[in-house]
Amino acid sequence: MDKTLAIAANTFREAIRDRVLYLLLGFALLMIGSSIFLSLLTVGSREKIIIDLGLSAISLFGVLSAIFLGVSLVFKEIDKRTIYTIVTKPVGRAQFILGKYLGLVLTLSVNLVVMTLGFYALLLYEGAAHARLLPAIGLTLLELLVVTALALLFSSFSTPILSALFTLGAYLAGQLSWSLRLLQDRLDPGIGRAVCEFFYWVLPNLWRFNIRAEVTHAVPVPLAEVGLAVVYGLAYAALLVFIACLSFERRDFT
């Protein structure tokens, strides 16, 4: 466990020095701040527009950070040839993958906290700060856990460019996975419905973590629904990291 934590700490130190992280964070804070001006150009409640744009910016730039940083986690070690030193030491490959994952999750968590503080500073200025927004931000963190695990899984056997494409594709498919149920209901019993059912359960159901509309319009979200999303997110991320460990174990560096 100490070795895993050491790798996680080193990954965190490397990630916070990445310029891409600060660039995305800067754009996120800029978009959150610009929601004040955008709310003046649209029809509707000013408060609701600011909240919706702010939560959307936190989710979008959090996901982009997870993808751009996650897909290069393993490749950097291979490119710098430090992986050859690591695998020859008494450090298990599973420990290496888990440490990388935990380090990036810590980085994204800090990033999310900074965006949340900036968001709430804006809301306090507007007199629209509400505690009901925190569950939506918490579920965004769970979404990032899953996306990071996806990026790590693809990076364990592919190049950064392909990993980014695979992760982005899986993310978009996960956001639209609810539509598979609608398609399934329109199909006749047979192979088509079976395929929809298969992909519905295999793809990450990222829509589970999206309660932005509910909290924006002050619609109560059942606690059981939030709890189910938490359990699902943790279990799905853990499964992806486990598969990534198995994939990395089979990778040949000789």
C-alpha atoms as a PDB file:
ATOM      1  CA  MET A   1       0.000   0.000   0.000  1.00  0.00           C
ATOM      2  CA  ASP A   2       2.873   2.369   0.756  1.00  0.00           C
ATOM      3  CA  LYS A   3       4.216   1.885  -2.774  1.00  0.00           C
ATOM      4  CA  THR A   4       0.803   2.624  -4.271  1.00  0.00           C
ATOM      5  CA  LEU A   5       0.492   5.815  -2.230  1.00  0.00           C
ATOM      6  CA  ALA A   6       4.018   6.842  -3.216  1.00  0.00           C
ATOM      7  CA  ILE A   7       3.136   6.440  -6.904  1.00  0.00           C
ATOM      8  CA  ALA A   8      -0.110   8.362  -6.315  1.00  0.00           C
ATOM      9  CA  ALA A   9       1.776  11.236  -4.649  1.00  0.00           C
ATOM     10  CA  ASN A  10       4.306  11.366  -7.488  1.00  0.00           C
ATOM     11  CA  THR A  11       1.503  11.322 -10.076  1.00  0.00           C
ATOM     12  CA  PHE A  12      -0.209  14.193  -8.266  1.00  0.00           C
ATOM     13  CA  ARG A  13       2.988  16.261  -8.253  1.00  0.00           C
ATOM     14  CA  GLU A  14       3.471  15.654 -11.976  1.00  0.00           C
ATOM     15  CA  ALA A  15      -0.160  16.394 -12.850  1.00  0.00           C
ATOM     16  CA  ILE A  16      -0.343  19.728 -11.039  1.00  0.00           C
ATOM     17  CA  ARG A  17       2.645  20.900 -13.082  1.00  0.00           C
ATOM     18  CA  ASP A  18       0.899  20.083 -16.360  1.00  0.00           C
ATOM     19  CA  ARG A  19       0.087  23.268 -18.288  1.00  0.00           C
ATOM     20  CA  VAL A  20      -2.984  21.658 -19.836  1.00  0.00           C
ATOM     21  CA  LEU A  21      -4.560  21.419 -16.389  1.00  0.00           C
ATOM     22  CA  TYR A  22      -4.127  25.126 -15.714  1.00  0.00           C
ATOM     23  CA  LEU A  23      -5.307  26.026 -19.201  1.00  0.00           C
ATOM     24  CA  LEU A  24      -8.523  24.050 -18.771  1.00  0.00           C
ATOM     25  CA  LEU A  25      -8.992  25.381 -15.244  1.00  0.00           C
ATOM     26  CA  GLY A  26      -8.574  28.932 -16.514  1.00  0.00           C
ATOM     27  CA  PHE A  27     -11.147  28.375 -19.261  1.00  0.00           C
ATOM     28  CA  ALA A  28     -13.547  26.820 -16.729  1.00  0.00           C
ATOM     29  CA  LEU A  29     -13.311  29.793 -14.364  1.00  0.00           C
ATOM     30  CA  LEU A  30     -13.658  32.168 -17.319  1.00  0.00           C
ATOM     31  CA  MET A  31     -16.794  30.370 -18.497  1.00  0.00           C
ATOM     32  CA  ILE A  32     -18.233  30.365 -14.970  1.00  0.00           C
ATOM     33  CA  GLY A  33     -17.568  34.089 -14.678  1.00  0.00           C
ATOM     34  CA  SER A  34     -18.972  34.852 -18.121  1.00  0.00           C
ATOM     35  CA  SER A  35     -22.281  33.228 -17.150  1.00  0.00           C
ATOM     36  CA  ILE A  36     -23.247  36.599 -15.639  1.00  0.00           C
ATOM     37  CA  PHE A  37     -23.021  38.274 -19.034  1.00  0.00           C
ATOM     38  CA  LEU A  38     -24.560  35.331 -20.892  1.00  0.00           C
ATOM     39  CA  SER A  39     -27.552  35.434 -18.569  1.00  0.00           C
ATOM     40  CA  LEU A  40     -28.245  38.965 -19.804  1.00  0.00           C
ATOM     41  CA  LEU A  41     -28.515  37.734 -23.384  1.00  0.00           C
ATOM     42  CA  THR A  42     -30.952  34.901 -22.777  1.00  0.00           C
ATOM     43  CA  VAL A  43     -34.598  34.706 -21.764  1.00  0.00           C
ATOM     44  CA  GLY A  44     -35.360  33.212 -18.366  1.00  0.00           C
ATOM     45  CA  SER A  45     -34.452  33.461 -14.727  1.00  0.00           C
ATOM     46  CA  ARG A  46     -31.020  35.065 -14.351  1.00  0.00           C
ATOM     47  CA  GLU A  47     -30.230  32.954 -11.300  1.00  0.00           C
ATOM     48  CA  LYS A  48     -31.174  29.666 -12.956  1.00  0.00           C
ATOM     49  CA  ILE A  49     -29.141  30.455 -16.076  1.00  0.00           C
ATOM     50  CA  ILE A  50     -26.036  31.278 -14.024  1.00  0.00           C
ATOM     51  CA  ILE A  51     -26.407  28.077 -11.976  1.00  0.00           C
ATOM     52  CA  ASP A  52     -26.985  25.895 -15.039  1.00  0.00           C
ATOM     53  CA  LEU A  53     -24.032  27.360 -16.959  1.00  0.00           C
ATOM     54  CA  GLY A  54     -21.766  27.139 -13.924  1.00  0.00           C
ATOM     55  CA  LEU A  55     -22.570  23.491 -13.208  1.00  0.00           C
ATOM     56  CA  SER A  56     -22.215  22.632 -16.894  1.00  0.00           C
ATOM     57  CA  ALA A  57     -18.797  24.327 -17.047  1.00  0.00           C
ATOM     58  CA  ILE A  58     -17.583  22.415 -13.992  1.00  0.00           C
ATOM     59  CA  SER A  59     -18.683  19.114 -15.530  1.00  0.00           C
ATOM     60  CA  LEU A  60     -17.356  19.835 -19.029  1.00  0.00           C
ATOM     61  CA  PHE A  61     -13.906  21.059 -18.052  1.00  0.00           C
ATOM     62  CA  GLY A  62     -13.597  18.405 -15.366  1.00  0.00           C
ATOM     63  CA  VAL A  63     -14.214  15.706 -17.988  1.00  0.00           C
ATOM     64  CA  LEU A  64     -11.764  17.312 -20.430  1.00  0.00           C
ATOM     65  CA  SER A  65      -9.106  17.403 -17.694  1.00  0.00           C
ATOM     66  CA  ALA A  66      -9.740  13.736 -16.892  1.00  0.00           C
ATOM     67  CA  ILE A  67      -9.392  12.750 -20.542  1.00  0.00           C
ATOM     68  CA  PHE A  68      -6.336  14.821 -21.455  1.00  0.00           C
ATOM     69  CA  LEU A  69      -4.421  13.919 -18.304  1.00  0.00           C
ATOM     70  CA  GLY A  70      -5.631  10.327 -18.029  1.00  0.00           C
ATOM     71  CA  VAL A  71      -4.756   9.141 -21.528  1.00  0.00           C
ATOM     72  CA  SER A  72      -1.084  10.056 -21.079  1.00  0.00           C
ATOM     73  CA  LEU A  73      -0.594   8.551 -17.616  1.00  0.00           C
ATOM     74  CA  VAL A  74       0.994   5.317 -18.800  1.00  0.00           C
ATOM     75  CA  PHE A  75       2.398   6.642 -22.081  1.00  0.00           C
ATOM     76  CA  LYS A  76       4.564   9.231 -20.315  1.00  0.00           C
ATOM     77  CA  GLU A  77       6.270   6.498 -18.317  1.00  0.00           C
ATOM     78  CA  ILE A  78       6.865   4.467 -21.487  1.00  0.00           C
ATOM     79  CA  ASP A  79       8.024   7.483 -23.494  1.00  0.00           C
ATOM     80  CA  LYS A  80      10.504   8.513 -20.787  1.00  0.00           C
ATOM     81  CA  ARG A  81      11.478   4.835 -20.388  1.00  0.00           C
ATOM     82  CA  THR A  82      10.946   5.063 -16.632  1.00  0.00           C
ATOM     83  CA  ILE A  83       8.494   2.183 -16.917  1.00  0.00           C
ATOM     84  CA  TYR A  84      11.407  -0.206 -17.458  1.00  0.00           C
ATOM     85  CA  THR A  85      12.873   0.843 -14.143  1.00  0.00           C
ATOM     86  CA  ILE A  86       9.534   0.533 -12.380  1.00  0.00           C
ATOM     87  CA  VAL A  87       8.660  -2.951 -13.622  1.00  0.00           C
ATOM     88  CA  THR A  88      12.085  -4.279 -12.618  1.00  0.00           C
ATOM     89  CA  LYS A  89      11.602  -3.098  -9.039  1.00  0.00           C
ATOM     90  CA  PRO A  90       9.442  -4.859  -6.440  1.00  0.00           C
ATOM     91  CA  VAL A  91       6.419  -2.800  -7.501  1.00  0.00           C
ATOM     92  CA  GLY A  92       3.485  -4.731  -8.850  1.00  0.00           C
ATOM     93  CA  ARG A  93       1.955  -3.547 -12.091  1.00  0.00           C
ATOM     94  CA  ALA A  94      -1.430  -3.414 -10.395  1.00  0.00           C
ATOM     95  CA  GLN A  95       0.078  -1.164  -7.721  1.00  0.00           C
ATOM     96  CA  PHE A  96       1.459   1.065 -10.459  1.00  0.00           C
ATOM     97  CA  ILE A  97      -1.930   1.406 -12.207  1.00  0.00           C
ATOM     98  CA  LEU A  98      -3.820   1.927  -8.948  1.00  0.00           C
ATOM     99  CA  GLY A  99      -1.302   4.546  -7.810  1.00  0.00           C
ATOM    100  CA  LYS A 100      -1.603   6.401 -11.106  1.00  0.00           C
ATOM    101  CA  TYR A 101      -5.372   6.365 -10.821  1.00  0.00           C
ATOM    102  CA  LEU A 102      -5.452   7.613  -7.240  1.00  0.00           C
ATOM    103  CA  GLY A 103      -2.956  10.366  -8.051  1.00  0.00           C
ATOM    104  CA  LEU A 104      -5.044  11.638 -10.948  1.00  0.00           C
ATOM    105  CA  VAL A 105      -8.259  11.396  -8.928  1.00  0.00           C
ATOM    106  CA  LEU A 106      -6.639  13.554  -6.239  1.00  0.00           C
ATOM    107  CA  THR A 107      -5.594  16.072  -8.900  1.00  0.00           C
ATOM    108  CA  LEU A 108      -9.086  16.232 -10.387  1.00  0.00           C
ATOM    109  CA  SER A 109     -10.602  16.548  -6.909  1.00  0.00           C
ATOM    110  CA  VAL A 110      -8.435  19.581  -6.158  1.00  0.00           C
ATOM    111  CA  ASN A 111      -9.328  20.975  -9.584  1.00  0.00           C
ATOM    112  CA  LEU A 112     -13.023  20.455  -8.842  1.00  0.00           C
ATOM    113  CA  VAL A 113     -12.720  22.183  -5.470  1.00  0.00           C
ATOM    114  CA  VAL A 114     -11.096  25.224  -7.092  1.00  0.00           C
ATOM    115  CA  MET A 115     -13.856  25.440  -9.723  1.00  0.00           C
ATOM    116  CA  THR A 116     -16.513  25.012  -7.028  1.00  0.00           C
ATOM    117  CA  LEU A 117     -15.023  27.797  -4.917  1.00  0.00           C
ATOM    118  CA  GLY A 118     -14.962  30.097  -7.935  1.00  0.00           C
ATOM    119  CA  PHE A 119     -18.550  29.133  -8.741  1.00  0.00           C
ATOM    120  CA  TYR A 120     -19.792  29.783  -5.214  1.00  0.00           C
ATOM    121  CA  ALA A 121     -17.897  33.074  -5.064  1.00  0.00           C
ATOM    122  CA  LEU A 122     -19.897  34.159  -8.113  1.00  0.00           C
ATOM    123  CA  LEU A 123     -23.140  32.881  -6.592  1.00  0.00           C
ATOM    124  CA  LEU A 124     -22.472  34.744  -3.334  1.00  0.00           C
ATOM    125  CA  TYR A 125     -21.899  37.908  -5.341  1.00  0.00           C
ATOM    126  CA  GLU A 126     -25.240  37.329  -7.069  1.00  0.00           C
ATOM    127  CA  GLY A 127     -26.949  36.322  -3.826  1.00  0.00           C
ATOM    128  CA  ALA A 128     -27.854  32.939  -5.285  1.00  0.00           C
ATOM    129  CA  ALA A 129     -25.656  30.513  -3.321  1.00  0.00           C
ATOM    130  CA  HIS A 130     -27.574  27.377  -2.319  1.00  0.00           C
ATOM    131  CA  ALA A 131     -26.443  24.217  -0.542  1.00  0.00           C
ATOM    132  CA  ARG A 132     -28.723  22.180  -2.814  1.00  0.00           C
ATOM    133  CA  LEU A 133     -26.123  22.528  -5.587  1.00  0.00           C
ATOM    134  CA  LEU A 134     -23.526  20.473  -3.702  1.00  0.00           C
ATOM    135  CA  PRO A 135     -25.047  17.042  -4.516  1.00  0.00           C
ATOM    136  CA  ALA A 136     -24.824  17.898  -8.236  1.00  0.00           C
ATOM    137  CA  ILE A 137     -21.150  18.786  -7.823  1.00  0.00           C
ATOM    138  CA  GLY A 138     -20.572  15.627  -5.789  1.00  0.00           C
ATOM    139  CA  LEU A 139     -22.068  13.481  -8.552  1.00  0.00           C
ATOM    140  CA  THR A 140     -19.870  15.327 -11.043  1.00  0.00           C
ATOM    141  CA  LEU A 141     -16.886  14.024  -9.069  1.00  0.00           C
ATOM    142  CA  LEU A 142     -18.240  10.490  -9.426  1.00  0.00           C
ATOM    143  CA  GLU A 143     -18.599  11.081 -13.162  1.00  0.00           C
ATOM    144  CA  LEU A 144     -14.936  12.106 -13.235  1.00  0.00           C
ATOM    145  CA  LEU A 145     -13.988   8.918 -11.369  1.00  0.00           C
ATOM    146  CA  VAL A 146     -15.588   6.847 -14.130  1.00  0.00           C
ATOM    147  CA  VAL A 147     -14.145   8.920 -16.992  1.00  0.00           C
ATOM    148  CA  THR A 148     -10.671   8.785 -15.429  1.00  0.00           C
ATOM    149  CA  ALA A 149     -10.943   5.008 -15.102  1.00  0.00           C
ATOM    150  CA  LEU A 150     -11.963   4.807 -18.761  1.00  0.00           C
ATOM    151  CA  ALA A 151      -8.972   6.915 -19.815  1.00  0.00           C
ATOM    152  CA  LEU A 152      -6.650   4.800 -17.694  1.00  0.00           C
ATOM    153  CA  LEU A 153      -8.048   1.566 -19.129  1.00  0.00           C
ATOM    154  CA  PHE A 154      -7.540   2.659 -22.730  1.00  0.00           C
ATOM    155  CA  SER A 155      -4.096   4.094 -21.988  1.00  0.00           C
ATOM    156  CA  SER A 156      -3.022   0.745 -20.548  1.00  0.00           C
ATOM    157  CA  PHE A 157      -2.946  -0.777 -24.037  1.00  0.00           C
ATOM    158  CA  SER A 158      -3.151   2.058 -26.575  1.00  0.00           C
ATOM    159  CA  THR A 159      -1.548   5.337 -27.652  1.00  0.00           C
ATOM    160  CA  PRO A 160      -2.673   8.721 -26.206  1.00  0.00           C
ATOM    161  CA  ILE A 161      -4.482   9.805 -29.386  1.00  0.00           C
ATOM    162  CA  LEU A 162      -6.455   6.583 -29.713  1.00  0.00           C
ATOM    163  CA  SER A 163      -7.062   6.503 -25.961  1.00  0.00           C
ATOM    164  CA  ALA A 164      -8.473  10.042 -26.099  1.00  0.00           C
ATOM    165  CA  LEU A 165     -10.775   9.086 -28.989  1.00  0.00           C
ATOM    166  CA  PHE A 166     -11.908   5.895 -27.236  1.00  0.00           C
ATOM    167  CA  THR A 167     -12.533   7.719 -23.954  1.00  0.00           C
ATOM    168  CA  LEU A 168     -14.392  10.573 -25.612  1.00  0.00           C
ATOM    169  CA  GLY A 169     -16.500   8.090 -27.568  1.00  0.00           C
ATOM    170  CA  ALA A 170     -17.315   6.114 -24.423  1.00  0.00           C
ATOM    171  CA  TYR A 171     -18.178   9.361 -22.613  1.00  0.00           C
ATOM    172  CA  LEU A 172     -20.570  10.506 -25.332  1.00  0.00           C
ATOM    173  CA  ALA A 173     -22.125   7.043 -25.524  1.00  0.00           C
ATOM    174  CA  GLY A 174     -22.516   7.053 -21.748  1.00  0.00           C
ATOM    175  CA  GLN A 175     -24.305  10.382 -21.857  1.00  0.00           C
ATOM    176  CA  LEU A 176     -26.751   8.991 -24.434  1.00  0.00           C
ATOM    177  CA  SER A 177     -27.167   5.508 -22.977  1.00  0.00           C
ATOM    178  CA  TRP A 178     -30.677   6.402 -21.778  1.00  0.00           C
ATOM    179  CA  SER A 179     -31.748   6.552 -25.431  1.00  0.00           C
ATOM    180  CA  LEU A 180     -31.032   2.833 -25.798  1.00  0.00           C
ATOM    181  CA  ARG A 181     -34.135   2.120 -23.714  1.00  0.00           C
ATOM    182  CA  LEU A 182     -36.238   4.249 -26.045  1.00  0.00           C
ATOM    183  CA  LEU A 183     -34.781   2.510 -29.083  1.00  0.00           C
ATOM    184  CA  GLN A 184     -35.338  -0.883 -27.497  1.00  0.00           C
ATOM    185  CA  ASP A 185     -39.041  -0.132 -26.975  1.00  0.00           C
ATOM    186  CA  ARG A 186     -39.404   0.734 -30.658  1.00  0.00           C
ATOM    187  CA  LEU A 187     -37.837  -2.508 -31.888  1.00  0.00           C
ATOM    188  CA  ASP A 188     -39.503  -5.862 -32.341  1.00  0.00           C
ATOM    189  CA  PRO A 189     -38.325  -8.722 -30.089  1.00  0.00           C
ATOM    190  CA  GLY A 190     -35.107 -10.187 -31.453  1.00  0.00           C
ATOM    191  CA  ILE A 191     -31.444  -9.458 -31.955  1.00  0.00           C
ATOM    192  CA  GLY A 192     -31.945  -5.691 -32.113  1.00  0.00           C
ATOM    193  CA  ARG A 193     -33.477  -5.488 -28.663  1.00  0.00           C
ATOM    194  CA  ALA A 194     -30.831  -7.827 -27.274  1.00  0.00           C
ATOM    195  CA  VAL A 195     -28.063  -5.604 -28.645  1.00  0.00           C
ATOM    196  CA  CYS A 196     -29.653  -2.527 -27.067  1.00  0.00           C
ATOM    197  CA  GLU A 197     -29.982  -4.329 -23.758  1.00  0.00           C
ATOM    198  CA  PHE A 198     -26.339  -5.435 -23.886  1.00  0.00           C
ATOM    199  CA  PHE A 199     -24.933  -1.991 -24.589  1.00  0.00           C
ATOM    200  CA  TYR A 200     -27.251  -0.400 -22.052  1.00  0.00           C
ATOM    201  CA  TRP A 201     -25.656  -2.442 -19.277  1.00  0.00           C
ATOM    202  CA  VAL A 202     -22.077  -2.428 -20.622  1.00  0.00           C
ATOM    203  CA  LEU A 203     -21.723   1.283 -21.412  1.00  0.00           C
ATOM    204  CA  PRO A 204     -21.272   3.674 -18.497  1.00  0.00           C
ATOM    205  CA  ASN A 205     -24.637   5.231 -17.670  1.00  0.00           C
ATOM    206  CA  LEU A 206     -23.249   8.705 -17.062  1.00  0.00           C
ATOM    207  CA  TRP A 207     -26.719  10.249 -17.135  1.00  0.00           C
ATOM    208  CA  ARG A 208     -27.112   8.863 -13.611  1.00  0.00           C
ATOM    209  CA  PHE A 209     -24.747  11.567 -12.390  1.00  0.00           C
ATOM    210  CA  ASN A 210     -26.552  14.447 -14.083  1.00  0.00           C
ATOM    211  CA  ILE A 211     -29.003  16.150 -11.731  1.00  0.00           C
ATOM    212  CA  ARG A 212     -28.109  19.662 -12.850  1.00  0.00           C
ATOM    213  CA  ALA A 213     -31.589  20.400 -14.180  1.00  0.00           C
ATOM    214  CA  GLU A 214     -33.205  19.275 -10.928  1.00  0.00           C
ATOM    215  CA  VAL A 215     -31.014  21.357  -8.625  1.00  0.00           C
ATOM    216  CA  THR A 216     -31.185  24.368 -10.969  1.00  0.00           C
ATOM    217  CA  HIS A 217     -34.981  24.401 -10.806  1.00  0.00           C
ATOM    218  CA  ALA A 218     -35.076  23.394  -7.106  1.00  0.00           C
ATOM    219  CA  VAL A 219     -36.743  20.057  -7.846  1.00  0.00           C
ATOM    220  CA  PRO A 220     -36.203  17.596  -4.968  1.00  0.00           C
ATOM    221  CA  VAL A 221     -33.957  14.665  -5.848  1.00  0.00           C
ATOM    222  CA  PRO A 222     -34.738  11.431  -3.950  1.00  0.00           C
ATOM    223  CA  LEU A 223     -31.931  10.460  -1.607  1.00  0.00           C
ATOM    224  CA  ALA A 224     -32.220   6.853  -2.791  1.00  0.00           C
ATOM    225  CA  GLU A 225     -31.513   7.987  -6.365  1.00  0.00           C
ATOM    226  CA  VAL A 226     -28.384   9.841  -5.274  1.00  0.00           C
ATOM    227  CA  GLY A 227     -27.251   6.865  -3.198  1.00  0.00           C
ATOM    228  CA  LEU A 228     -27.768   4.497  -6.127  1.00  0.00           C
ATOM    229  CA  ALA A 229     -25.698   6.780  -8.351  1.00  0.00           C
ATOM    230  CA  VAL A 230     -22.893   6.804  -5.770  1.00  0.00           C
ATOM    231  CA  VAL A 231     -22.825   3.007  -5.500  1.00  0.00           C
ATOM    232  CA  TYR A 232     -22.990   2.616  -9.276  1.00  0.00           C
ATOM    233  CA  GLY A 233     -20.195   5.121  -9.908  1.00  0.00           C
ATOM    234  CA  LEU A 234     -17.816   3.611  -7.363  1.00  0.00           C
ATOM    235  CA  ALA A 235     -18.501   0.052  -8.513  1.00  0.00           C
ATOM    236  CA  TYR A 236     -18.144   0.867 -12.223  1.00  0.00           C
ATOM    237  CA  ALA A 237     -14.911   2.821 -11.679  1.00  0.00           C
ATOM    238  CA  ALA A 238     -13.490  -0.008  -9.548  1.00  0.00           C
ATOM    239  CA  LEU A 239     -14.342  -2.538 -12.276  1.00  0.00           C
ATOM    240  CA  LEU A 240     -12.630  -0.431 -14.942  1.00  0.00           C
ATOM    241  CA  VAL A 241      -9.486  -0.020 -12.835  1.00  0.00           C
ATOM    242  CA  PHE A 242      -9.446  -3.778 -12.213  1.00  0.00           C
ATOM    243  CA  ILE A 243      -9.654  -4.469 -15.962  1.00  0.00           C
ATOM    244  CA  ALA A 244      -6.917  -1.876 -16.560  1.00  0.00           C
ATOM    245  CA  CYS A 245      -4.681  -3.730 -14.081  1.00  0.00           C
ATOM    246  CA  LEU A 246      -5.290  -7.017 -15.887  1.00  0.00           C
ATOM    247  CA  SER A 247      -4.555  -5.384 -19.253  1.00  0.00           C
ATOM    248  CA  PHE A 248      -1.348  -3.802 -17.993  1.00  0.00           C
ATOM    249  CA  GLU A 249      -0.215  -7.105 -16.471  1.00  0.00           C
ATOM    250  CA  ARG A 250      -0.326  -8.687 -19.928  1.00  0.00           C
ATOM    251  CA  ARG A 251       1.582  -5.862 -21.634  1.00  0.00           C
ATOM    252  CA  ASP A 252       5.091  -6.725 -22.779  1.00  0.00           C
ATOM    253  CA  PHE A 253       7.835  -4.123 -22.291  1.00  0.00           C
ATOM    254  CA  THR A 254      10.757  -6.254 -23.431  1.00  0.00           C
END
